[in-house]
Amino acid sequence: FYNLIPSCHTCNSNLKGKKDFALSTHFHPYLSDFDKEKVFFTYLPTNAKAFYGDKRGLKIKLDTSVCENLSIQISSNISLFKLDEIYNEHADIVEGMLDIQKKTNNKNIQSIFEKILVDTDGNKYFESEKEVYELMIRNYYSSKDFSKKTMAKFERDMAKELGLIQKTI
């Protein structure tokens, strides 16, 4: 009855199994969130091919280096649920963002919103940077919407990491 966080069979049965959880040892996603705890996705190019569309050259990981409060609990979850390994299977998302970066000549979404997506009279085609972000990245930006679509936090963090977004929209 108290296990109310939905999870797939792999995470719940294969990885978690019968392991005991406590707030002192594991992170509870309903009591806090990775943004609040300053845990963000990042990527490391492992070779030059990473910049030219070879996802084998990317290593994705959750960065806990500035985590202030629950670093032990968060690290336990990252390890137990193999989060770094699982997200590395989605390197194609980062590849897509690198492609956007390349096609826009490293312009960020604010610049695209203000200077590119305008007509000859200077009228903007979109109402906000957030709208442009959600169209380009095809996901939600705000952490309050992360539960609506998978990979939302991952994609927002990667967009920040790649300089596609510079500030909170």
N, C-alpha and C. Protein backbone atom coordinates (compact mmCIF):
# COMPACT_ATOMS: atom_id res chain seq x y z
N PHE A 1 0.81 -1.20 0.00
CA PHE A 1 0.00 0.00 0.00
C PHE A 1 0.85 1.26 0.00
N TYR A 2 1.98 1.24 0.69
CA TYR A 2 2.80 2.44 0.78
C TYR A 2 3.79 2.59 -0.37
N ASN A 3 3.87 1.63 -1.25
CA ASN A 3 4.76 1.70 -2.41
C ASN A 3 3.97 2.32 -3.57
N LEU A 4 3.87 3.64 -3.56
CA LEU A 4 2.98 4.33 -4.50
C LEU A 4 3.70 4.97 -5.67
N ILE A 5 4.99 4.78 -5.79
CA ILE A 5 5.71 5.38 -6.91
C ILE A 5 5.72 4.37 -8.05
N PRO A 6 5.07 4.70 -9.16
CA PRO A 6 5.06 3.75 -10.27
C PRO A 6 6.46 3.54 -10.84
N SER A 7 6.77 2.33 -11.15
CA SER A 7 8.06 2.03 -11.77
C SER A 7 7.90 0.81 -12.66
N CYS A 8 8.81 0.68 -13.58
CA CYS A 8 8.76 -0.46 -14.49
C CYS A 8 9.25 -1.72 -13.79
N HIS A 9 9.00 -2.83 -14.38
CA HIS A 9 9.39 -4.12 -13.82
C HIS A 9 10.91 -4.21 -13.62
N THR A 10 11.65 -3.70 -14.59
CA THR A 10 13.11 -3.77 -14.48
C THR A 10 13.60 -3.05 -13.23
N CYS A 11 13.13 -1.82 -13.02
CA CYS A 11 13.58 -1.06 -11.84
C CYS A 11 13.04 -1.65 -10.55
N ASN A 12 11.75 -1.98 -10.53
CA ASN A 12 11.13 -2.43 -9.29
C ASN A 12 11.55 -3.84 -8.89
N SER A 13 11.63 -4.74 -9.84
CA SER A 13 11.91 -6.13 -9.49
C SER A 13 13.36 -6.52 -9.72
N ASN A 14 13.89 -6.22 -10.88
CA ASN A 14 15.24 -6.67 -11.19
C ASN A 14 16.32 -5.88 -10.45
N LEU A 15 16.17 -4.57 -10.39
CA LEU A 15 17.21 -3.76 -9.74
C LEU A 15 16.97 -3.60 -8.24
N LYS A 16 15.76 -3.19 -7.89
CA LYS A 16 15.44 -2.98 -6.48
C LYS A 16 15.25 -4.29 -5.74
N GLY A 17 14.51 -5.20 -6.36
CA GLY A 17 14.26 -6.48 -5.72
C GLY A 17 13.66 -6.32 -4.34
N LYS A 18 14.24 -6.98 -3.37
CA LYS A 18 13.73 -6.93 -1.99
C LYS A 18 14.59 -6.03 -1.10
N LYS A 19 15.38 -5.17 -1.71
CA LYS A 19 16.26 -4.28 -0.94
C LYS A 19 15.42 -3.35 -0.06
N ASP A 20 15.84 -3.20 1.17
CA ASP A 20 15.16 -2.29 2.09
C ASP A 20 15.56 -0.85 1.77
N PHE A 21 14.57 0.03 1.81
CA PHE A 21 14.80 1.45 1.56
C PHE A 21 14.48 2.22 2.83
N ALA A 22 15.25 3.25 3.09
CA ALA A 22 15.00 4.17 4.20
C ALA A 22 15.41 5.56 3.74
N LEU A 23 14.82 6.58 4.33
CA LEU A 23 15.16 7.95 3.95
C LEU A 23 16.61 8.27 4.26
N SER A 24 17.21 7.55 5.17
CA SER A 24 18.62 7.79 5.50
C SER A 24 19.57 7.20 4.46
N THR A 25 19.09 6.26 3.64
CA THR A 25 19.97 5.59 2.68
C THR A 25 19.59 5.83 1.22
N HIS A 26 18.34 6.21 0.96
CA HIS A 26 17.89 6.37 -0.43
C HIS A 26 17.05 7.63 -0.59
N PHE A 27 17.10 8.16 -1.77
CA PHE A 27 16.38 9.37 -2.14
C PHE A 27 14.92 9.04 -2.46
N HIS A 28 14.00 9.84 -1.93
CA HIS A 28 12.58 9.66 -2.18
C HIS A 28 12.11 10.77 -3.12
N PRO A 29 11.74 10.44 -4.35
CA PRO A 29 11.43 11.47 -5.34
C PRO A 29 10.17 12.28 -5.06
N TYR A 30 9.33 11.85 -4.13
CA TYR A 30 8.15 12.64 -3.80
C TYR A 30 8.42 13.63 -2.67
N LEU A 31 9.53 13.48 -1.98
CA LEU A 31 9.86 14.39 -0.88
C LEU A 31 10.79 15.52 -1.32
N SER A 32 11.45 15.33 -2.42
CA SER A 32 12.32 16.35 -2.98
C SER A 32 12.46 16.04 -4.47
N ASP A 33 13.29 16.79 -5.17
CA ASP A 33 13.57 16.46 -6.57
C ASP A 33 15.01 16.82 -6.90
N PHE A 34 15.47 16.28 -8.00
CA PHE A 34 16.87 16.47 -8.37
C PHE A 34 17.20 17.94 -8.61
N ASP A 35 16.28 18.72 -9.17
CA ASP A 35 16.56 20.14 -9.37
C ASP A 35 16.79 20.84 -8.04
N LYS A 36 15.91 20.60 -7.09
CA LYS A 36 16.02 21.22 -5.77
C LYS A 36 17.33 20.82 -5.08
N GLU A 37 17.75 19.59 -5.30
CA GLU A 37 18.98 19.10 -4.67
C GLU A 37 20.23 19.40 -5.50
N LYS A 38 20.06 20.12 -6.60
CA LYS A 38 21.17 20.52 -7.48
C LYS A 38 21.90 19.32 -8.09
N VAL A 39 21.09 18.41 -8.62
CA VAL A 39 21.62 17.25 -9.35
C VAL A 39 21.17 17.42 -10.79
N PHE A 40 22.13 17.42 -11.71
CA PHE A 40 21.81 17.70 -13.11
C PHE A 40 22.49 16.69 -14.02
N PHE A 41 21.86 16.48 -15.15
CA PHE A 41 22.47 15.63 -16.17
C PHE A 41 23.55 16.43 -16.87
N THR A 42 24.61 15.75 -17.22
CA THR A 42 25.68 16.35 -18.00
C THR A 42 26.18 15.30 -18.97
N TYR A 43 27.06 15.70 -19.85
CA TYR A 43 27.67 14.74 -20.76
C TYR A 43 29.14 15.06 -20.90
N LEU A 44 29.87 14.04 -21.18
CA LEU A 44 31.30 14.18 -21.41
C LEU A 44 31.62 13.59 -22.77
N PRO A 45 32.23 14.35 -23.65
CA PRO A 45 32.68 13.72 -24.89
C PRO A 45 33.89 12.84 -24.57
N THR A 46 33.85 11.61 -25.04
CA THR A 46 34.97 10.71 -24.76
C THR A 46 35.95 10.67 -25.92
N ASN A 47 35.56 11.23 -27.05
CA ASN A 47 36.47 11.37 -28.18
C ASN A 47 35.91 12.42 -29.12
N ALA A 48 36.70 12.84 -30.09
CA ALA A 48 36.29 13.91 -31.00
C ALA A 48 35.07 13.54 -31.84
N LYS A 49 34.85 12.27 -32.07
CA LYS A 49 33.70 11.84 -32.88
C LYS A 49 32.37 12.22 -32.24
N ALA A 50 32.37 12.44 -30.94
CA ALA A 50 31.15 12.82 -30.24
C ALA A 50 30.55 14.10 -30.81
N PHE A 51 31.40 14.98 -31.30
CA PHE A 51 30.92 16.25 -31.84
C PHE A 51 30.41 16.11 -33.27
N TYR A 52 30.55 14.93 -33.85
CA TYR A 52 30.13 14.72 -35.23
C TYR A 52 29.11 13.60 -35.34
N GLY A 53 28.29 13.43 -34.29
CA GLY A 53 27.17 12.51 -34.37
C GLY A 53 27.44 11.08 -33.96
N ASP A 54 28.58 10.78 -33.40
CA ASP A 54 28.87 9.41 -32.98
C ASP A 54 28.55 9.28 -31.49
N LYS A 55 27.37 8.69 -31.18
CA LYS A 55 26.95 8.63 -29.79
C LYS A 55 27.85 7.74 -28.94
N ARG A 56 28.65 6.92 -29.57
CA ARG A 56 29.60 6.12 -28.79
C ARG A 56 30.67 7.01 -28.17
N GLY A 57 30.74 8.25 -28.63
CA GLY A 57 31.72 9.19 -28.08
C GLY A 57 31.17 10.05 -26.96
N LEU A 58 29.93 9.78 -26.52
CA LEU A 58 29.31 10.55 -25.45
C LEU A 58 29.15 9.69 -24.20
N LYS A 59 29.40 10.29 -23.07
CA LYS A 59 29.12 9.61 -21.81
C LYS A 59 28.19 10.53 -21.02
N ILE A 60 27.01 10.04 -20.69
CA ILE A 60 26.02 10.81 -19.96
C ILE A 60 26.05 10.39 -18.51
N LYS A 61 25.93 11.38 -17.62
CA LYS A 61 25.94 11.04 -16.20
C LYS A 61 25.15 12.09 -15.42
N LEU A 62 24.74 11.70 -14.24
CA LEU A 62 24.13 12.65 -13.31
C LEU A 62 25.23 13.28 -12.49
N ASP A 63 25.31 14.60 -12.51
CA ASP A 63 26.34 15.33 -11.80
C ASP A 63 25.82 15.68 -10.40
N THR A 64 26.46 15.15 -9.40
CA THR A 64 26.09 15.41 -8.00
C THR A 64 27.14 16.27 -7.30
N SER A 65 28.03 16.88 -8.05
CA SER A 65 29.15 17.59 -7.43
C SER A 65 28.74 18.81 -6.62
N VAL A 66 27.60 19.42 -6.90
CA VAL A 66 27.15 20.57 -6.11
C VAL A 66 25.94 20.23 -5.25
N CYS A 67 25.60 18.97 -5.18
CA CYS A 67 24.50 18.52 -4.34
C CYS A 67 24.82 18.85 -2.89
N GLU A 68 23.86 19.46 -2.19
CA GLU A 68 24.14 19.96 -0.85
C GLU A 68 23.65 19.04 0.26
N ASN A 69 22.49 18.44 0.13
CA ASN A 69 21.87 17.79 1.28
C ASN A 69 21.85 16.27 1.23
N LEU A 70 21.38 15.71 0.18
CA LEU A 70 21.09 14.29 0.14
C LEU A 70 22.03 13.52 -0.78
N SER A 71 23.29 13.90 -0.82
CA SER A 71 24.22 13.30 -1.78
C SER A 71 24.38 11.79 -1.58
N ILE A 72 24.40 11.32 -0.35
CA ILE A 72 24.53 9.88 -0.11
C ILE A 72 23.30 9.15 -0.62
N GLN A 73 22.11 9.67 -0.31
CA GLN A 73 20.88 9.04 -0.75
C GLN A 73 20.74 9.06 -2.27
N ILE A 74 21.08 10.19 -2.87
CA ILE A 74 20.97 10.31 -4.32
C ILE A 74 21.98 9.39 -4.99
N SER A 75 23.20 9.36 -4.49
CA SER A 75 24.21 8.45 -5.06
C SER A 75 23.77 6.99 -4.94
N SER A 76 23.11 6.65 -3.84
CA SER A 76 22.59 5.29 -3.67
C SER A 76 21.57 4.96 -4.75
N ASN A 77 20.68 5.89 -5.03
CA ASN A 77 19.68 5.66 -6.08
C ASN A 77 20.33 5.57 -7.46
N ILE A 78 21.28 6.45 -7.73
CA ILE A 78 21.96 6.42 -9.02
C ILE A 78 22.63 5.07 -9.23
N SER A 79 23.28 4.59 -8.21
CA SER A 79 23.96 3.31 -8.29
C SER A 79 22.97 2.14 -8.40
N LEU A 80 22.03 2.08 -7.48
CA LEU A 80 21.09 0.95 -7.45
C LEU A 80 20.27 0.84 -8.73
N PHE A 81 19.75 1.96 -9.21
CA PHE A 81 18.89 1.94 -10.38
C PHE A 81 19.66 2.12 -11.69
N LYS A 82 20.99 2.14 -11.60
CA LYS A 82 21.86 2.22 -12.78
C LYS A 82 21.45 3.38 -13.70
N LEU A 83 21.19 4.53 -13.07
CA LEU A 83 20.68 5.68 -13.82
C LEU A 83 21.65 6.18 -14.88
N ASP A 84 22.94 6.22 -14.56
CA ASP A 84 23.91 6.66 -15.57
C ASP A 84 23.90 5.72 -16.77
N GLU A 85 23.88 4.44 -16.50
CA GLU A 85 23.88 3.46 -17.61
C GLU A 85 22.60 3.56 -18.43
N ILE A 86 21.48 3.70 -17.76
CA ILE A 86 20.20 3.78 -18.47
C ILE A 86 20.15 5.03 -19.35
N TYR A 87 20.57 6.18 -18.80
CA TYR A 87 20.52 7.41 -19.60
C TYR A 87 21.55 7.40 -20.72
N ASN A 88 22.62 6.65 -20.59
CA ASN A 88 23.57 6.53 -21.69
C ASN A 88 22.95 5.85 -22.91
N GLU A 89 21.89 5.11 -22.70
CA GLU A 89 21.17 4.51 -23.83
C GLU A 89 20.39 5.55 -24.62
N HIS A 90 20.30 6.77 -24.10
CA HIS A 90 19.55 7.84 -24.76
C HIS A 90 20.48 8.93 -25.29
N ALA A 91 21.69 8.55 -25.63
CA ALA A 91 22.66 9.52 -26.15
C ALA A 91 22.17 10.14 -27.46
N ASP A 92 21.25 9.48 -28.15
CA ASP A 92 20.73 10.02 -29.40
C ASP A 92 20.01 11.35 -29.16
N ILE A 93 19.46 11.56 -27.98
CA ILE A 93 18.82 12.84 -27.66
C ILE A 93 19.87 13.94 -27.63
N VAL A 94 21.00 13.66 -27.02
CA VAL A 94 22.08 14.64 -26.99
C VAL A 94 22.61 14.87 -28.41
N GLU A 95 22.71 13.81 -29.19
CA GLU A 95 23.12 13.96 -30.59
C GLU A 95 22.20 14.92 -31.33
N GLY A 96 20.89 14.78 -31.11
CA GLY A 96 19.92 15.67 -31.75
C GLY A 96 20.13 17.12 -31.33
N MET A 97 20.45 17.32 -30.08
CA MET A 97 20.70 18.68 -29.61
C MET A 97 22.01 19.23 -30.17
N LEU A 98 23.01 18.38 -30.28
CA LEU A 98 24.26 18.82 -30.92
C LEU A 98 24.00 19.21 -32.37
N ASP A 99 23.09 18.49 -33.02
CA ASP A 99 22.70 18.82 -34.40
C ASP A 99 22.00 20.17 -34.45
N ILE A 100 21.10 20.43 -33.50
CA ILE A 100 20.44 21.75 -33.43
C ILE A 100 21.49 22.83 -33.23
N GLN A 101 22.42 22.58 -32.33
CA GLN A 101 23.49 23.53 -32.06
C GLN A 101 24.29 23.83 -33.32
N LYS A 102 24.61 22.78 -34.07
CA LYS A 102 25.38 22.94 -35.31
C LYS A 102 24.58 23.73 -36.36
N LYS A 103 23.30 23.37 -36.51
CA LYS A 103 22.47 24.01 -37.54
C LYS A 103 22.12 25.46 -37.22
N THR A 104 22.18 25.82 -35.96
CA THR A 104 21.89 27.21 -35.58
C THR A 104 23.16 28.00 -35.30
N ASN A 105 24.30 27.47 -35.69
CA ASN A 105 25.58 28.13 -35.48
C ASN A 105 25.79 28.54 -34.02
N ASN A 106 25.48 27.60 -33.12
CA ASN A 106 25.65 27.79 -31.68
C ASN A 106 24.82 28.92 -31.09
N LYS A 107 23.75 29.28 -31.77
CA LYS A 107 22.86 30.28 -31.20
C LYS A 107 22.00 29.62 -30.13
N ASN A 108 21.71 30.38 -29.07
CA ASN A 108 20.83 29.82 -28.06
C ASN A 108 19.39 30.15 -28.41
N ILE A 109 18.47 29.54 -27.70
CA ILE A 109 17.05 29.68 -28.03
C ILE A 109 16.59 31.13 -27.87
N GLN A 110 17.14 31.85 -26.91
CA GLN A 110 16.78 33.26 -26.75
C GLN A 110 17.12 34.04 -28.02
N SER A 111 18.29 33.83 -28.57
CA SER A 111 18.71 34.51 -29.79
C SER A 111 17.83 34.10 -30.98
N ILE A 112 17.51 32.81 -31.07
CA ILE A 112 16.65 32.32 -32.14
C ILE A 112 15.28 32.98 -32.04
N PHE A 113 14.74 33.06 -30.82
CA PHE A 113 13.44 33.68 -30.57
C PHE A 113 13.45 35.16 -30.96
N GLU A 114 14.50 35.87 -30.56
CA GLU A 114 14.55 37.31 -30.76
C GLU A 114 14.98 37.75 -32.15
N LYS A 115 15.85 36.96 -32.81
CA LYS A 115 16.45 37.45 -34.04
C LYS A 115 16.14 36.64 -35.29
N ILE A 116 15.83 35.36 -35.13
CA ILE A 116 15.65 34.52 -36.31
C ILE A 116 14.17 34.27 -36.59
N LEU A 117 13.42 33.96 -35.58
CA LEU A 117 12.01 33.62 -35.78
C LEU A 117 11.13 34.88 -35.75
N VAL A 118 11.49 35.83 -36.63
CA VAL A 118 10.74 37.07 -36.77
C VAL A 118 10.50 37.35 -38.24
N ASP A 119 9.43 38.07 -38.52
CA ASP A 119 9.17 38.42 -39.92
C ASP A 119 9.95 39.68 -40.28
N THR A 120 9.77 40.18 -41.50
CA THR A 120 10.54 41.33 -41.97
C THR A 120 10.22 42.61 -41.21
N ASP A 121 9.06 42.66 -40.54
CA ASP A 121 8.69 43.82 -39.74
C ASP A 121 9.14 43.68 -38.28
N GLY A 122 9.81 42.59 -37.96
CA GLY A 122 10.29 42.38 -36.60
C GLY A 122 9.27 41.72 -35.68
N ASN A 123 8.13 41.28 -36.22
CA ASN A 123 7.13 40.60 -35.41
C ASN A 123 7.58 39.16 -35.15
N LYS A 124 7.48 38.75 -33.91
CA LYS A 124 7.91 37.40 -33.54
C LYS A 124 6.85 36.38 -33.95
N TYR A 125 7.32 35.22 -34.42
CA TYR A 125 6.41 34.13 -34.80
C TYR A 125 5.89 33.38 -33.57
N PHE A 126 6.61 33.45 -32.47
CA PHE A 126 6.23 32.75 -31.26
C PHE A 126 6.05 33.74 -30.13
N GLU A 127 5.28 33.37 -29.13
CA GLU A 127 4.99 34.28 -28.02
C GLU A 127 6.09 34.31 -26.97
N SER A 128 6.86 33.23 -26.86
CA SER A 128 7.86 33.19 -25.79
C SER A 128 9.02 32.26 -26.16
N GLU A 129 10.14 32.44 -25.44
CA GLU A 129 11.27 31.53 -25.59
C GLU A 129 10.88 30.12 -25.20
N LYS A 130 10.04 30.02 -24.16
CA LYS A 130 9.58 28.71 -23.69
C LYS A 130 8.88 27.96 -24.82
N GLU A 131 8.08 28.65 -25.57
CA GLU A 131 7.37 28.03 -26.70
C GLU A 131 8.36 27.53 -27.76
N VAL A 132 9.39 28.31 -28.04
CA VAL A 132 10.41 27.90 -29.01
C VAL A 132 11.16 26.69 -28.48
N TYR A 133 11.53 26.73 -27.20
CA TYR A 133 12.22 25.59 -26.58
C TYR A 133 11.39 24.32 -26.73
N GLU A 134 10.11 24.40 -26.34
CA GLU A 134 9.26 23.21 -26.36
C GLU A 134 9.05 22.69 -27.78
N LEU A 135 9.07 23.58 -28.77
CA LEU A 135 8.97 23.15 -30.16
C LEU A 135 10.27 22.49 -30.62
N MET A 136 11.39 23.10 -30.32
CA MET A 136 12.68 22.57 -30.78
C MET A 136 13.06 21.28 -30.06
N ILE A 137 12.87 21.24 -28.75
CA ILE A 137 13.30 20.11 -27.95
C ILE A 137 12.18 19.07 -27.85
N ARG A 138 10.97 19.49 -28.11
CA ARG A 138 9.78 18.63 -28.08
C ARG A 138 9.54 18.04 -26.70
N ASN A 139 9.70 18.90 -25.71
CA ASN A 139 9.44 18.46 -24.35
C ASN A 139 9.20 19.68 -23.50
N TYR A 140 8.79 19.47 -22.25
CA TYR A 140 8.52 20.56 -21.32
C TYR A 140 9.81 21.13 -20.76
N TYR A 141 9.77 22.41 -20.44
CA TYR A 141 10.92 23.07 -19.84
C TYR A 141 10.81 23.13 -18.32
N SER A 142 9.66 23.47 -17.82
CA SER A 142 9.48 23.70 -16.40
C SER A 142 9.45 22.40 -15.61
N SER A 143 10.13 22.41 -14.47
CA SER A 143 10.19 21.19 -13.65
C SER A 143 8.81 20.79 -13.13
N LYS A 144 7.88 21.73 -13.04
CA LYS A 144 6.53 21.35 -12.59
C LYS A 144 5.81 20.50 -13.64
N ASP A 145 6.30 20.50 -14.87
CA ASP A 145 5.69 19.70 -15.94
C ASP A 145 6.45 18.41 -16.24
N PHE A 146 7.56 18.16 -15.54
CA PHE A 146 8.39 17.00 -15.85
C PHE A 146 7.64 15.68 -15.77
N SER A 147 6.63 15.60 -14.93
CA SER A 147 5.89 14.34 -14.80
C SER A 147 4.98 14.06 -15.99
N LYS A 148 4.80 15.03 -16.85
CA LYS A 148 3.89 14.87 -17.99
C LYS A 148 4.50 14.11 -19.15
N LYS A 149 5.83 14.09 -19.22
CA LYS A 149 6.49 13.43 -20.35
C LYS A 149 7.85 12.92 -19.91
N THR A 150 8.17 11.74 -20.34
CA THR A 150 9.46 11.18 -19.97
C THR A 150 10.60 11.99 -20.58
N MET A 151 11.71 11.97 -19.91
CA MET A 151 12.97 12.59 -20.34
C MET A 151 12.97 14.11 -20.26
N ALA A 152 11.94 14.73 -19.69
CA ALA A 152 11.87 16.20 -19.68
C ALA A 152 13.05 16.83 -18.94
N LYS A 153 13.36 16.35 -17.75
CA LYS A 153 14.49 16.92 -17.00
C LYS A 153 15.80 16.66 -17.74
N PHE A 154 15.98 15.46 -18.20
CA PHE A 154 17.19 15.12 -18.95
C PHE A 154 17.39 16.08 -20.12
N GLU A 155 16.33 16.28 -20.90
CA GLU A 155 16.44 17.14 -22.08
C GLU A 155 16.67 18.60 -21.71
N ARG A 156 16.01 19.09 -20.67
CA ARG A 156 16.22 20.47 -20.24
C ARG A 156 17.66 20.65 -19.75
N ASP A 157 18.14 19.70 -18.95
CA ASP A 157 19.52 19.79 -18.46
C ASP A 157 20.53 19.75 -19.60
N MET A 158 20.30 18.91 -20.59
CA MET A 158 21.21 18.83 -21.73
C MET A 158 21.16 20.11 -22.55
N ALA A 159 19.98 20.70 -22.70
CA ALA A 159 19.88 21.97 -23.43
C ALA A 159 20.68 23.06 -22.72
N LYS A 160 20.63 23.06 -21.39
CA LYS A 160 21.44 24.03 -20.63
C LYS A 160 22.93 23.73 -20.81
N GLU A 161 23.28 22.47 -20.70
CA GLU A 161 24.68 22.05 -20.81
C GLU A 161 25.28 22.44 -22.16
N LEU A 162 24.48 22.34 -23.21
CA LEU A 162 24.96 22.65 -24.56
C LEU A 162 24.82 24.13 -24.92
N GLY A 163 24.29 24.92 -24.00
CA GLY A 163 24.15 26.34 -24.26
C GLY A 163 22.97 26.71 -25.14
N LEU A 164 22.06 25.78 -25.36
CA LEU A 164 20.87 26.10 -26.14
C LEU A 164 19.95 27.03 -25.36
N ILE A 165 19.97 26.90 -24.05
CA ILE A 165 19.25 27.84 -23.20
C ILE A 165 20.24 28.39 -22.19
N GLN A 166 20.12 29.67 -21.93
CA GLN A 166 21.06 30.35 -21.06
C GLN A 166 20.48 30.67 -19.70
N LYS A 167 19.19 30.79 -19.63
CA LYS A 167 18.55 31.21 -18.39
C LYS A 167 17.25 30.45 -18.22
N THR A 168 16.65 30.63 -17.08
CA THR A 168 15.35 30.01 -16.85
C THR A 168 14.32 30.73 -17.71
N ILE A 169 13.59 29.94 -18.46
CA ILE A 169 12.57 30.52 -19.33
C ILE A 169 11.29 30.65 -18.54
